[in-house]
Amino acid sequence: MDNLVKVVILFFIATFLLTSCANDELLPFYQEQKAGKIVIRGYNALQDSIQISVNNKIVTADKKQDAFMKKVEKDYEFVFYDNEIKTVNITNKKTNKLLYSQNFTSQNAVDTLSFYVKENLLVSDFMSVANKPGTLSAAGLTGYRFIFPGINQYSKTGYNGPVDAIIRKINGEIVGVSENINKNNAGSFVEFTFSLPPIIEIELVKHGTNESYVPGKRIAFRTVMQKNKSGLVVLEETANADNSFARVEGFLNLADYFSF
């Protein structure tokens, strides 16, 4: 009887060891690990607060707050396991509407999430090298780059190419052209001498032409240039009461909200 008990015990021990070895092949005990960090820089101009989550885990503003209003500055540190993908979601806390999503991988262990959000507008990835405001080459100048995340939002032109911003003084003199502006990428950097009166006109045309990107309608607006300052201006389509296209504005300068 004792021998039978020993055989049964040995059988269960052997079965456990074999099962453990099989599971170890599927799920290694030592997973590959790599430290990661997401530098979050954003601004929430919505009336509602927003929440930021990483793989469905809420990123807290501080020990008590789980949502963000106005300026967002947060360095989120974590660990990548086995080259996993980290998905960052930005949602309206009140409505739970997804506003923006971006994936991060261990190939860029330290990366940046940048965004500006308000009603009917989201600008992202402007902290990347390709989208930052330009650097002025000398004192006494003013500089511009433009990005157009909401092109065709109301105009519905069907034109999907880039646009150019022709910059003129009020006397009609062209002082520069910012080229290849589109939804995701800022156009080329333009700098010129600041002068009085400090008013310039920006006209938007199809890239490489003098043709308006909205058929039959000249698209232009005026703004005030600032001496010794380089701006990253967001172009915005606006609508009439019936939701038809009204005009383009350029009031939002991201350089007023972020340190680049």
Protein backbone atom coordinates (compact mmCIF):
# COMPACT_ATOMS: atom_id res chain seq x y z
CA MET A 1 0.00 0.00 0.00
CA ASP A 2 2.85 2.36 0.89
CA ASN A 3 4.46 1.70 -2.49
CA LEU A 4 1.21 2.52 -4.26
CA VAL A 5 0.95 5.85 -2.41
CA LYS A 6 4.54 6.69 -3.38
CA VAL A 7 3.83 5.91 -7.03
CA VAL A 8 0.75 8.17 -7.04
CA ILE A 9 2.70 11.02 -5.40
CA LEU A 10 5.56 10.67 -7.90
CA PHE A 11 3.05 10.68 -10.78
CA PHE A 12 1.53 13.98 -9.65
CA ILE A 13 4.96 15.55 -9.09
CA ALA A 14 6.09 14.53 -12.58
CA THR A 15 2.85 15.81 -14.12
CA PHE A 16 3.29 19.18 -12.35
CA LEU A 17 6.88 19.55 -13.54
CA LEU A 18 5.99 18.71 -17.13
CA THR A 19 3.08 21.18 -17.10
CA SER A 20 5.29 23.89 -15.61
CA CYS A 21 7.91 23.39 -18.31
CA ALA A 22 5.27 23.58 -21.05
CA ASN A 23 3.84 26.80 -19.59
CA ASP A 24 7.32 28.29 -19.26
CA GLU A 25 7.78 27.89 -23.00
CA LEU A 26 4.60 29.89 -23.62
CA LEU A 27 5.09 32.51 -20.89
CA PRO A 28 8.77 33.04 -20.01
CA PHE A 29 9.33 33.80 -16.36
CA TYR A 30 11.75 36.58 -17.24
CA GLN A 31 10.03 38.95 -19.67
CA GLU A 32 12.05 41.50 -21.60
CA GLN A 33 11.71 44.88 -19.90
CA LYS A 34 12.53 48.40 -21.01
CA ALA A 35 11.91 51.66 -19.19
CA GLY A 36 9.63 54.07 -21.02
CA LYS A 37 8.48 57.65 -20.60
CA ILE A 38 5.85 59.78 -22.34
CA VAL A 39 6.31 63.52 -22.02
CA ILE A 40 2.76 64.90 -22.13
CA ARG A 41 2.30 68.55 -23.06
CA GLY A 42 -1.20 69.72 -23.87
CA TYR A 43 -3.90 72.31 -23.43
CA ASN A 44 -7.60 71.65 -22.90
CA ALA A 45 -9.79 74.58 -23.98
CA LEU A 46 -13.02 72.58 -23.70
CA GLN A 47 -15.60 73.44 -21.04
CA ASP A 48 -15.39 69.81 -19.90
CA SER A 49 -12.36 68.17 -18.34
CA ILE A 50 -10.42 65.48 -20.18
CA GLN A 51 -8.92 62.19 -19.05
CA ILE A 52 -5.72 60.60 -20.32
CA SER A 53 -5.23 56.84 -20.10
CA VAL A 54 -2.37 54.51 -21.00
CA ASN A 55 -3.58 51.00 -21.85
CA ASN A 56 -6.82 51.89 -20.04
CA LYS A 57 -4.99 53.02 -16.88
CA ILE A 58 -5.92 56.59 -15.94
CA VAL A 59 -3.05 59.08 -15.74
CA THR A 60 -3.65 61.31 -12.72
CA ALA A 61 -3.02 65.04 -12.67
CA ASP A 62 -1.99 64.73 -9.01
CA LYS A 63 -2.82 62.47 -6.09
CA LYS A 64 -6.46 63.63 -6.01
CA GLN A 65 -7.34 64.62 -9.58
CA ASP A 66 -7.99 62.10 -12.35
CA ALA A 67 -8.79 64.71 -15.04
CA PHE A 68 -7.24 67.77 -16.62
CA MET A 69 -8.41 71.30 -17.39
CA LYS A 70 -6.41 73.99 -19.20
CA LYS A 71 -2.65 73.33 -19.32
CA VAL A 72 -1.43 69.74 -19.13
CA GLU A 73 2.17 69.02 -18.11
CA LYS A 74 2.88 65.44 -17.10
CA ASP A 75 5.82 63.06 -17.48
CA TYR A 76 4.43 59.53 -17.37
CA GLU A 77 6.98 56.78 -16.64
CA PHE A 78 6.32 53.07 -17.08
CA VAL A 79 7.86 49.78 -18.26
CA PHE A 80 7.55 48.12 -21.66
CA TYR A 81 7.19 44.34 -21.32
CA ASP A 82 8.16 42.19 -24.32
CA ASN A 83 7.98 45.09 -26.80
CA GLU A 84 4.32 45.73 -26.03
CA ILE A 85 2.43 48.67 -27.50
CA LYS A 86 1.25 51.41 -25.16
CA THR A 87 -1.97 53.08 -26.36
CA VAL A 88 -2.71 56.55 -25.04
CA ASN A 89 -6.32 57.74 -25.24
CA ILE A 90 -7.60 61.24 -24.55
CA THR A 91 -11.32 61.36 -23.75
CA ASN A 92 -13.92 63.90 -22.69
CA LYS A 93 -14.60 62.90 -19.09
CA LYS A 94 -18.22 64.04 -19.15
CA THR A 95 -19.28 62.43 -22.43
CA ASN A 96 -16.61 59.68 -22.57
CA LYS A 97 -16.05 60.65 -26.22
CA LEU A 98 -12.65 59.63 -27.59
CA LEU A 99 -10.86 62.79 -28.73
CA TYR A 100 -7.46 61.39 -29.72
CA SER A 101 -5.46 58.17 -29.63
CA GLN A 102 -1.77 57.48 -30.19
CA ASN A 103 0.39 54.35 -29.93
CA PHE A 104 3.87 54.23 -28.42
CA THR A 105 6.45 51.45 -28.75
CA SER A 106 9.79 50.60 -27.16
CA GLN A 107 11.57 51.69 -30.36
CA ASN A 108 11.15 55.22 -29.01
CA ALA A 109 11.26 54.56 -25.29
CA VAL A 110 11.13 58.27 -24.49
CA ASP A 111 8.52 60.00 -26.62
CA THR A 112 6.24 63.04 -26.59
CA LEU A 113 2.47 63.42 -26.69
CA SER A 114 1.42 66.98 -27.55
CA PHE A 115 -2.09 68.29 -28.19
CA TYR A 116 -4.37 71.31 -28.09
CA VAL A 117 -8.08 70.57 -27.94
CA LYS A 118 -11.16 72.77 -28.06
CA GLU A 119 -14.66 72.44 -29.50
CA ASN A 120 -14.46 71.05 -33.05
CA LEU A 121 -10.66 71.27 -33.15
CA LEU A 122 -7.73 69.08 -32.18
CA VAL A 123 -4.10 69.81 -33.01
CA SER A 124 -1.56 67.08 -32.24
CA ASP A 125 2.14 66.27 -32.54
CA PHE A 126 3.26 69.90 -32.76
CA MET A 127 6.15 69.24 -30.36
CA SER A 128 7.87 67.10 -32.98
CA VAL A 129 10.93 68.60 -34.63
CA ALA A 130 9.07 68.85 -37.95
CA ASN A 131 6.27 70.98 -36.49
CA LYS A 132 7.92 73.29 -33.96
CA PRO A 133 8.00 77.05 -34.59
CA GLY A 134 11.07 78.20 -36.48
CA THR A 135 14.02 79.94 -34.84
CA LEU A 136 14.59 83.56 -35.80
CA SER A 137 18.01 84.16 -37.32
CA ALA A 138 18.44 87.73 -36.01
CA ALA A 139 16.85 90.41 -33.84
CA GLY A 140 14.21 92.65 -35.36
CA LEU A 141 12.50 89.86 -37.28
CA THR A 142 9.15 88.09 -37.02
CA GLY A 143 8.49 84.51 -38.10
CA TYR A 144 5.62 82.18 -38.95
CA ARG A 145 4.67 78.59 -39.55
CA PHE A 146 1.10 77.42 -40.12
CA ILE A 147 -0.77 74.15 -39.65
CA PHE A 148 -4.30 73.42 -40.90
CA PRO A 149 -5.84 70.45 -39.01
CA GLY A 150 -9.43 71.32 -39.99
CA ILE A 151 -9.04 71.96 -43.71
CA ASN A 152 -12.29 71.07 -45.55
CA GLN A 153 -14.15 70.79 -42.24
CA TYR A 154 -16.82 73.17 -43.50
CA SER A 155 -15.68 74.13 -47.02
CA LYS A 156 -15.92 70.52 -48.28
CA THR A 157 -13.82 71.43 -51.31
CA GLY A 158 -12.54 67.94 -52.06
CA TYR A 159 -9.04 69.37 -52.40
CA ASN A 160 -6.71 67.12 -50.40
CA GLY A 161 -3.36 68.64 -51.33
CA PRO A 162 -1.25 71.08 -49.33
CA VAL A 163 -1.81 74.82 -49.28
CA ASP A 164 0.57 77.77 -49.25
CA ALA A 165 0.22 80.90 -47.14
CA ILE A 166 1.18 84.04 -49.06
CA ILE A 167 2.12 86.75 -46.56
CA ARG A 168 1.72 90.39 -47.61
CA LYS A 169 2.03 93.79 -46.02
CA ILE A 170 -1.11 95.91 -46.25
CA ASN A 171 0.44 97.76 -49.20
CA GLY A 172 0.40 94.46 -51.12
CA GLU A 173 4.13 93.68 -50.90
CA ILE A 174 4.80 89.95 -50.52
CA VAL A 175 7.22 89.33 -47.64
CA GLY A 176 7.16 85.53 -47.65
CA VAL A 177 5.37 82.29 -48.53
CA SER A 178 4.94 79.39 -46.13
CA GLU A 179 4.61 76.29 -48.31
CA ASN A 180 3.16 72.78 -47.99
CA ILE A 181 0.73 73.33 -45.12
CA ASN A 182 -1.59 70.42 -44.38
CA LYS A 183 -3.55 68.68 -41.62
CA ASN A 184 -0.67 67.02 -39.86
CA ASN A 185 2.40 69.01 -40.82
CA ALA A 186 3.25 72.65 -40.47
CA GLY A 187 4.37 74.53 -43.55
CA SER A 188 7.86 75.86 -44.18
CA PHE A 189 9.20 78.53 -41.82
CA VAL A 190 9.08 82.14 -43.04
CA GLU A 191 10.82 85.08 -41.38
CA PHE A 192 10.96 88.72 -42.38
CA THR A 193 11.69 92.16 -40.96
CA PHE A 194 9.15 93.56 -38.52
CA SER A 195 7.72 96.88 -39.70
CA LEU A 196 4.98 99.38 -38.95
CA PRO A 197 2.06 99.25 -39.23
CA PRO A 198 2.35 95.71 -37.77
CA ILE A 199 -0.47 94.27 -39.86
CA ILE A 200 -0.05 91.49 -42.42
CA GLU A 201 -2.48 89.63 -44.66
CA ILE A 202 -2.36 85.86 -45.08
CA GLU A 203 -3.84 84.43 -48.28
CA LEU A 204 -4.32 80.66 -48.67
CA VAL A 205 -3.84 79.06 -52.08
CA LYS A 206 -3.27 75.62 -53.53
CA HIS A 207 0.40 74.71 -53.26
CA GLY A 208 2.55 76.17 -56.02
CA THR A 209 -0.27 78.30 -57.47
CA ASN A 210 -2.17 81.54 -56.91
CA GLU A 211 -5.47 79.63 -56.97
CA SER A 212 -7.68 79.63 -53.89
CA TYR A 213 -8.19 76.20 -52.34
CA VAL A 214 -11.90 77.09 -52.10
CA PRO A 215 -13.24 77.44 -55.68
CA GLY A 216 -14.49 80.91 -56.56
CA LYS A 217 -13.66 82.46 -53.19
CA ARG A 218 -10.54 84.34 -52.08
CA ILE A 219 -9.46 83.06 -48.66
CA ALA A 220 -7.48 85.60 -46.64
CA PHE A 221 -7.31 87.07 -43.17
CA ARG A 222 -5.30 89.73 -41.37
CA THR A 223 -3.21 89.42 -38.22
CA VAL A 224 -0.82 91.49 -36.14
CA MET A 225 2.85 90.51 -36.31
CA GLN A 226 5.01 90.58 -33.20
CA LYS A 227 8.61 91.71 -33.14
CA ASN A 228 11.27 89.14 -32.20
CA LYS A 229 8.69 86.38 -31.96
CA SER A 230 8.19 83.20 -33.98
CA GLY A 231 4.68 81.77 -34.13
CA LEU A 232 3.02 78.45 -34.92
CA VAL A 233 -0.42 79.53 -36.10
CA VAL A 234 -3.36 77.16 -36.39
CA LEU A 235 -5.57 77.85 -39.41
CA GLU A 236 -9.26 77.22 -38.66
CA GLU A 237 -12.28 77.03 -40.92
CA THR A 238 -15.37 78.63 -39.36
CA ALA A 239 -19.05 78.14 -40.14
CA ASN A 240 -22.21 80.21 -40.50
CA ALA A 241 -25.31 79.48 -38.44
CA ASP A 242 -26.45 76.94 -41.02
CA ASN A 243 -23.08 75.13 -40.78
CA SER A 244 -21.98 76.37 -44.20
CA PHE A 245 -18.41 77.56 -44.72
CA ALA A 246 -17.81 81.16 -43.61
CA ARG A 247 -14.08 81.95 -43.60
CA VAL A 248 -10.64 80.96 -42.31
CA GLU A 249 -9.18 82.45 -39.14
CA GLY A 250 -5.70 82.39 -37.66
CA PHE A 251 -6.13 83.58 -34.08
CA LEU A 252 -4.67 80.54 -32.32
CA ASN A 253 -0.89 80.72 -31.91
CA LEU A 254 0.45 77.63 -30.13
CA ALA A 255 3.59 79.55 -29.15
CA ASP A 256 1.35 81.47 -26.71
CA TYR A 257 0.53 78.25 -24.85
CA PHE A 258 3.68 76.12 -24.99
CA SER A 259 7.42 76.45 -24.46
CA PHE A 260 9.14 74.92 -27.44
